[in-house]
Amino acid sequence: MKERGLELRDEAWEEWQDASLHYDLEQQGLGKRFDTAVIAALEHLPPVAAPSPLRENGFRYAPILKF
């Protein structure tokens, strides 16, 4: 993701790690599937984030597909 110039805030990384661990505790391997889905969503973000929806907290988001 660095090659695209994408930077995630520390809070985003921590939330991602927490979610991945949660899913892996629910079912072994589900955390890895979640990680793959998140990476795919991030790789498909447009180079300029303007088309992505802006939430009330000032952050943009991209929903991930079911994993």
PDB file of N, CA and C in Angstrom:
ATOM      1  N   MET A   1       0.810  -1.194   0.000  1.00  0.00           N
ATOM      2  CA  MET A   1       0.000   0.000   0.000  1.00  0.00           C
ATOM      3  C   MET A   1       0.855   1.260   0.000  1.00  0.00           C
ATOM      4  N   LYS A   2       2.049   1.153   0.532  1.00  0.00           N
ATOM      5  CA  LYS A   2       2.935   2.316   0.541  1.00  0.00           C
ATOM      6  C   LYS A   2       3.263   2.764  -0.879  1.00  0.00           C
ATOM      7  N   GLU A   3       3.345   1.810  -1.817  1.00  0.00           N
ATOM      8  CA  GLU A   3       3.673   2.186  -3.191  1.00  0.00           C
ATOM      9  C   GLU A   3       2.594   3.070  -3.811  1.00  0.00           C
ATOM     10  N   ARG A   4       1.381   3.044  -3.256  1.00  0.00           N
ATOM     11  CA  ARG A   4       0.299   3.902  -3.744  1.00  0.00           C
ATOM     12  C   ARG A   4       0.248   5.211  -2.978  1.00  0.00           C
ATOM     13  N   GLY A   5       1.087   5.346  -1.968  1.00  0.00           N
ATOM     14  CA  GLY A   5       1.071   6.557  -1.169  1.00  0.00           C
ATOM     15  C   GLY A   5      -0.051   6.554  -0.147  1.00  0.00           C
ATOM     16  N   LEU A   6      -0.615   5.405   0.118  1.00  0.00           N
ATOM     17  CA  LEU A   6      -1.705   5.299   1.075  1.00  0.00           C
ATOM     18  C   LEU A   6      -1.136   5.212   2.478  1.00  0.00           C
ATOM     19  N   GLU A   7      -1.673   6.025   3.355  1.00  0.00           N
ATOM     20  CA  GLU A   7      -1.226   6.017   4.738  1.00  0.00           C
ATOM     21  C   GLU A   7      -2.428   5.813   5.646  1.00  0.00           C
ATOM     22  N   LEU A   8      -2.325   4.824   6.519  1.00  0.00           N
ATOM     23  CA  LEU A   8      -3.380   4.590   7.502  1.00  0.00           C
ATOM     24  C   LEU A   8      -2.918   5.133   8.840  1.00  0.00           C
ATOM     25  N   ARG A   9      -3.814   5.776   9.540  1.00  0.00           N
ATOM     26  CA  ARG A   9      -3.490   6.274  10.871  1.00  0.00           C
ATOM     27  C   ARG A   9      -3.295   5.105  11.827  1.00  0.00           C
ATOM     28  N   ASP A  10      -2.569   5.372  12.904  1.00  0.00           N
ATOM     29  CA  ASP A  10      -2.315   4.335  13.903  1.00  0.00           C
ATOM     30  C   ASP A  10      -3.609   3.711  14.397  1.00  0.00           C
ATOM     31  N   GLU A  11      -4.636   4.537  14.589  1.00  0.00           N
ATOM     32  CA  GLU A  11      -5.919   4.030  15.069  1.00  0.00           C
ATOM     33  C   GLU A  11      -6.531   3.041  14.081  1.00  0.00           C
ATOM     34  N   ALA A  12      -6.351   3.309  12.799  1.00  0.00           N
ATOM     35  CA  ALA A  12      -6.885   2.410  11.773  1.00  0.00           C
ATOM     36  C   ALA A  12      -6.147   1.074  11.787  1.00  0.00           C
ATOM     37  N   TRP A  13      -4.820   1.122  11.910  1.00  0.00           N
ATOM     38  CA  TRP A  13      -4.032  -0.110  11.983  1.00  0.00           C
ATOM     39  C   TRP A  13      -4.448  -0.929  13.205  1.00  0.00           C
ATOM     40  N   GLU A  14      -4.592  -0.247  14.354  1.00  0.00           N
ATOM     41  CA  GLU A  14      -4.969  -0.946  15.582  1.00  0.00           C
ATOM     42  C   GLU A  14      -6.357  -1.575  15.467  1.00  0.00           C
ATOM     43  N   GLU A  15      -7.283  -0.830  14.888  1.00  0.00           N
ATOM     44  CA  GLU A  15      -8.637  -1.366  14.715  1.00  0.00           C
ATOM     45  C   GLU A  15      -8.618  -2.569  13.771  1.00  0.00           C
ATOM     46  N   TRP A  16      -7.840  -2.469  12.715  1.00  0.00           N
ATOM     47  CA  TRP A  16      -7.710  -3.574  11.765  1.00  0.00           C
ATOM     48  C   TRP A  16      -7.147  -4.807  12.464  1.00  0.00           C
ATOM     49  N   GLN A  17      -6.074  -4.621  13.255  1.00  0.00           N
ATOM     50  CA  GLN A  17      -5.462  -5.745  13.966  1.00  0.00           C
ATOM     51  C   GLN A  17      -6.439  -6.362  14.966  1.00  0.00           C
ATOM     52  N   ASP A  18      -7.145  -5.517  15.694  1.00  0.00           N
ATOM     53  CA  ASP A  18      -8.126  -6.011  16.664  1.00  0.00           C
ATOM     54  C   ASP A  18      -9.215  -6.826  15.975  1.00  0.00           C
ATOM     55  N   ALA A  19      -9.713  -6.310  14.863  1.00  0.00           N
ATOM     56  CA  ALA A  19     -10.767  -7.007  14.129  1.00  0.00           C
ATOM     57  C   ALA A  19     -10.252  -8.337  13.581  1.00  0.00           C
ATOM     58  N   SER A  20      -9.041  -8.330  13.048  1.00  0.00           N
ATOM     59  CA  SER A  20      -8.463  -9.549  12.502  1.00  0.00           C
ATOM     60  C   SER A  20      -8.312 -10.612  13.590  1.00  0.00           C
ATOM     61  N   LEU A  21      -7.828 -10.207  14.749  1.00  0.00           N
ATOM     62  CA  LEU A  21      -7.683 -11.134  15.867  1.00  0.00           C
ATOM     63  C   LEU A  21      -9.051 -11.651  16.316  1.00  0.00           C
ATOM     64  N   HIS A  22     -10.027 -10.756  16.392  1.00  0.00           N
ATOM     65  CA  HIS A  22     -11.386 -11.152  16.776  1.00  0.00           C
ATOM     66  C   HIS A  22     -11.927 -12.226  15.833  1.00  0.00           C
ATOM     67  N   TYR A  23     -11.802 -11.985  14.538  1.00  0.00           N
ATOM     68  CA  TYR A  23     -12.311 -12.953  13.557  1.00  0.00           C
ATOM     69  C   TYR A  23     -11.555 -14.276  13.630  1.00  0.00           C
ATOM     70  N   ASP A  24     -10.253 -14.216  13.874  1.00  0.00           N
ATOM     71  CA  ASP A  24      -9.479 -15.450  13.958  1.00  0.00           C
ATOM     72  C   ASP A  24      -9.848 -16.246  15.215  1.00  0.00           C
ATOM     73  N   LEU A  25     -10.216 -15.551  16.286  1.00  0.00           N
ATOM     74  CA  LEU A  25     -10.659 -16.244  17.489  1.00  0.00           C
ATOM     75  C   LEU A  25     -12.030 -16.890  17.281  1.00  0.00           C
ATOM     76  N   GLU A  26     -12.846 -16.265  16.424  1.00  0.00           N
ATOM     77  CA  GLU A  26     -14.157 -16.825  16.105  1.00  0.00           C
ATOM     78  C   GLU A  26     -14.016 -18.110  15.294  1.00  0.00           C
ATOM     79  N   GLN A  27     -13.093 -18.066  14.344  1.00  0.00           N
ATOM     80  CA  GLN A  27     -12.862 -19.232  13.484  1.00  0.00           C
ATOM     81  C   GLN A  27     -11.455 -19.127  12.918  1.00  0.00           C
ATOM     82  N   GLN A  28     -10.663 -20.157  13.115  1.00  0.00           N
ATOM     83  CA  GLN A  28      -9.287 -20.139  12.625  1.00  0.00           C
ATOM     84  C   GLN A  28      -9.265 -19.903  11.119  1.00  0.00           C
ATOM     85  N   GLY A  29      -8.443 -18.955  10.698  1.00  0.00           N
ATOM     86  CA  GLY A  29      -8.321 -18.619   9.284  1.00  0.00           C
ATOM     87  C   GLY A  29      -9.219 -17.472   8.846  1.00  0.00           C
ATOM     88  N   LEU A  30     -10.234 -17.147   9.654  1.00  0.00           N
ATOM     89  CA  LEU A  30     -11.151 -16.070   9.277  1.00  0.00           C
ATOM     90  C   LEU A  30     -10.462 -14.709   9.353  1.00  0.00           C
ATOM     91  N   GLY A  31      -9.526 -14.559  10.289  1.00  0.00           N
ATOM     92  CA  GLY A  31      -8.769 -13.310  10.375  1.00  0.00           C
ATOM     93  C   GLY A  31      -7.956 -13.065   9.112  1.00  0.00           C
ATOM     94  N   LYS A  32      -7.350 -14.115   8.577  1.00  0.00           N
ATOM     95  CA  LYS A  32      -6.579 -13.983   7.335  1.00  0.00           C
ATOM     96  C   LYS A  32      -7.499 -13.624   6.169  1.00  0.00           C
ATOM     97  N   ARG A  33      -8.681 -14.233   6.137  1.00  0.00           N
ATOM     98  CA  ARG A  33      -9.646 -13.891   5.080  1.00  0.00           C
ATOM     99  C   ARG A  33     -10.072 -12.426   5.206  1.00  0.00           C
ATOM    100  N   PHE A  34     -10.253 -11.966   6.439  1.00  0.00           N
ATOM    101  CA  PHE A  34     -10.593 -10.568   6.670  1.00  0.00           C
ATOM    102  C   PHE A  34      -9.471  -9.655   6.179  1.00  0.00           C
ATOM    103  N   ASP A  35      -8.217  -9.992   6.539  1.00  0.00           N
ATOM    104  CA  ASP A  35      -7.071  -9.201   6.095  1.00  0.00           C
ATOM    105  C   ASP A  35      -7.029  -9.106   4.570  1.00  0.00           C
ATOM    106  N   THR A  36      -7.257 -10.223   3.907  1.00  0.00           N
ATOM    107  CA  THR A  36      -7.252 -10.254   2.442  1.00  0.00           C
ATOM    108  C   THR A  36      -8.333  -9.341   1.880  1.00  0.00           C
ATOM    109  N   ALA A  37      -9.516  -9.357   2.505  1.00  0.00           N
ATOM    110  CA  ALA A  37     -10.621  -8.509   2.042  1.00  0.00           C
ATOM    111  C   ALA A  37     -10.310  -7.026   2.263  1.00  0.00           C
ATOM    112  N   VAL A  38      -9.696  -6.700   3.389  1.00  0.00           N
ATOM    113  CA  VAL A  38      -9.336  -5.305   3.664  1.00  0.00           C
ATOM    114  C   VAL A  38      -8.281  -4.830   2.664  1.00  0.00           C
ATOM    115  N   ILE A  39      -7.266  -5.639   2.439  1.00  0.00           N
ATOM    116  CA  ILE A  39      -6.210  -5.259   1.493  1.00  0.00           C
ATOM    117  C   ILE A  39      -6.792  -5.063   0.095  1.00  0.00           C
ATOM    118  N   ALA A  40      -7.683  -5.950  -0.313  1.00  0.00           N
ATOM    119  CA  ALA A  40      -8.310  -5.809  -1.637  1.00  0.00           C
ATOM    120  C   ALA A  40      -9.095  -4.506  -1.715  1.00  0.00           C
ATOM    121  N   ALA A  41      -9.816  -4.171  -0.658  1.00  0.00           N
ATOM    122  CA  ALA A  41     -10.588  -2.917  -0.659  1.00  0.00           C
ATOM    123  C   ALA A  41      -9.651  -1.709  -0.717  1.00  0.00           C
ATOM    124  N   LEU A  42      -8.563  -1.755   0.033  1.00  0.00           N
ATOM    125  CA  LEU A  42      -7.618  -0.640   0.029  1.00  0.00           C
ATOM    126  C   LEU A  42      -6.924  -0.493  -1.322  1.00  0.00           C
ATOM    127  N   GLU A  43      -6.623  -1.606  -1.955  1.00  0.00           N
ATOM    128  CA  GLU A  43      -5.955  -1.542  -3.262  1.00  0.00           C
ATOM    129  C   GLU A  43      -6.869  -0.986  -4.344  1.00  0.00           C
ATOM    130  N   HIS A  44      -8.163  -1.068  -4.136  1.00  0.00           N
ATOM    131  CA  HIS A  44      -9.102  -0.565  -5.132  1.00  0.00           C
ATOM    132  C   HIS A  44      -9.575   0.858  -4.854  1.00  0.00           C
ATOM    133  N   LEU A  45      -9.052   1.469  -3.794  1.00  0.00           N
ATOM    134  CA  LEU A  45      -9.393   2.866  -3.547  1.00  0.00           C
ATOM    135  C   LEU A  45      -8.831   3.714  -4.684  1.00  0.00           C
ATOM    136  N   PRO A  46      -9.561   4.697  -5.094  1.00  0.00           N
ATOM    137  CA  PRO A  46      -9.026   5.568  -6.150  1.00  0.00           C
ATOM    138  C   PRO A  46      -7.807   6.333  -5.634  1.00  0.00           C
ATOM    139  N   PRO A  47      -6.891   6.683  -6.541  1.00  0.00           N
ATOM    140  CA  PRO A  47      -5.694   7.424  -6.125  1.00  0.00           C
ATOM    141  C   PRO A  47      -6.042   8.726  -5.398  1.00  0.00           C
ATOM    142  N   VAL A  48      -7.111   9.359  -5.799  1.00  0.00           N
ATOM    143  CA  VAL A  48      -7.596  10.555  -5.120  1.00  0.00           C
ATOM    144  C   VAL A  48      -8.864  10.147  -4.394  1.00  0.00           C
ATOM    145  N   ALA A  49      -8.903  10.366  -3.110  1.00  0.00           N
ATOM    146  CA  ALA A  49      -9.994   9.843  -2.280  1.00  0.00           C
ATOM    147  C   ALA A  49     -11.313  10.607  -2.430  1.00  0.00           C
ATOM    148  N   ALA A  50     -11.326  11.690  -3.181  1.00  0.00           N
ATOM    149  CA  ALA A  50     -12.532  12.519  -3.275  1.00  0.00           C
ATOM    150  C   ALA A  50     -13.810  11.741  -3.608  1.00  0.00           C
ATOM    151  N   PRO A  51     -13.783  10.729  -4.505  1.00  0.00           N
ATOM    152  CA  PRO A  51     -15.024  10.014  -4.793  1.00  0.00           C
ATOM    153  C   PRO A  51     -15.523   9.135  -3.639  1.00  0.00           C
ATOM    154  N   SER A  52     -14.650   8.828  -2.674  1.00  0.00           N
ATOM    155  CA  SER A  52     -15.050   7.990  -1.543  1.00  0.00           C
ATOM    156  C   SER A  52     -15.952   8.779  -0.607  1.00  0.00           C
ATOM    157  N   PRO A  53     -16.980   8.137  -0.051  1.00  0.00           N
ATOM    158  CA  PRO A  53     -17.896   8.841   0.843  1.00  0.00           C
ATOM    159  C   PRO A  53     -17.179   9.413   2.071  1.00  0.00           C
ATOM    160  N   LEU A  54     -17.567  10.605   2.465  1.00  0.00           N
ATOM    161  CA  LEU A  54     -17.004  11.259   3.636  1.00  0.00           C
ATOM    162  C   LEU A  54     -17.987  11.092   4.781  1.00  0.00           C
ATOM    163  N   ARG A  55     -17.520  10.551   5.887  1.00  0.00           N
ATOM    164  CA  ARG A  55     -18.370  10.349   7.061  1.00  0.00           C
ATOM    165  C   ARG A  55     -18.386  11.619   7.900  1.00  0.00           C
ATOM    166  N   GLU A  56     -19.312  11.664   8.842  1.00  0.00           N
ATOM    167  CA  GLU A  56     -19.461  12.840   9.689  1.00  0.00           C
ATOM    168  C   GLU A  56     -18.226  13.127  10.532  1.00  0.00           C
ATOM    169  N   ASN A  57     -17.377  12.112  10.759  1.00  0.00           N
ATOM    170  CA  ASN A  57     -16.168  12.328  11.552  1.00  0.00           C
ATOM    171  C   ASN A  57     -14.998  12.847  10.723  1.00  0.00           C
ATOM    172  N   GLY A  58     -15.236  13.106   9.436  1.00  0.00           N
ATOM    173  CA  GLY A  58     -14.205  13.653   8.571  1.00  0.00           C
ATOM    174  C   GLY A  58     -13.325  12.633   7.896  1.00  0.00           C
ATOM    175  N   PHE A  59     -13.609  11.344   8.092  1.00  0.00           N
ATOM    176  CA  PHE A  59     -12.827  10.294   7.462  1.00  0.00           C
ATOM    177  C   PHE A  59     -13.569   9.711   6.281  1.00  0.00           C
ATOM    178  N   ARG A  60     -12.823   9.225   5.333  1.00  0.00           N
ATOM    179  CA  ARG A  60     -13.413   8.523   4.204  1.00  0.00           C
ATOM    180  C   ARG A  60     -13.400   7.033   4.515  1.00  0.00           C
ATOM    181  N   TYR A  61     -14.298   6.292   3.916  1.00  0.00           N
ATOM    182  CA  TYR A  61     -14.347   4.855   4.168  1.00  0.00           C
ATOM    183  C   TYR A  61     -14.709   4.114   2.898  1.00  0.00           C
ATOM    184  N   ALA A  62     -14.333   2.850   2.903  1.00  0.00           N
ATOM    185  CA  ALA A  62     -14.670   1.974   1.770  1.00  0.00           C
ATOM    186  C   ALA A  62     -15.132   0.654   2.366  1.00  0.00           C
ATOM    187  N   PRO A  63     -16.382   0.283   2.142  1.00  0.00           N
ATOM    188  CA  PRO A  63     -16.856  -0.993   2.667  1.00  0.00           C
ATOM    189  C   PRO A  63     -16.121  -2.156   2.003  1.00  0.00           C
ATOM    190  N   ILE A  64     -15.936  -3.226   2.746  1.00  0.00           N
ATOM    191  CA  ILE A  64     -15.304  -4.415   2.161  1.00  0.00           C
ATOM    192  C   ILE A  64     -16.384  -5.431   1.827  1.00  0.00           C
ATOM    193  N   LEU A  65     -16.053  -6.290   0.870  1.00  0.00           N
ATOM    194  CA  LEU A  65     -16.980  -7.341   0.473  1.00  0.00           C
ATOM    195  C   LEU A  65     -17.034  -8.404   1.553  1.00  0.00           C
ATOM    196  N   LYS A  66     -18.088  -9.196   1.521  1.00  0.00           N
ATOM    197  CA  LYS A  66     -18.224 -10.292   2.470  1.00  0.00           C
ATOM    198  C   LYS A  66     -17.021 -11.215   2.325  1.00  0.00           C
ATOM    199  N   PHE A  67     -16.489 -11.666   3.448  1.00  0.00           N
ATOM    200  CA  PHE A  67     -15.291 -12.511   3.398  1.00  0.00           C
ATOM    201  C   PHE A  67     -15.509 -13.832   4.024  1.00  0.00           C
TER     202      PHE A  67
END
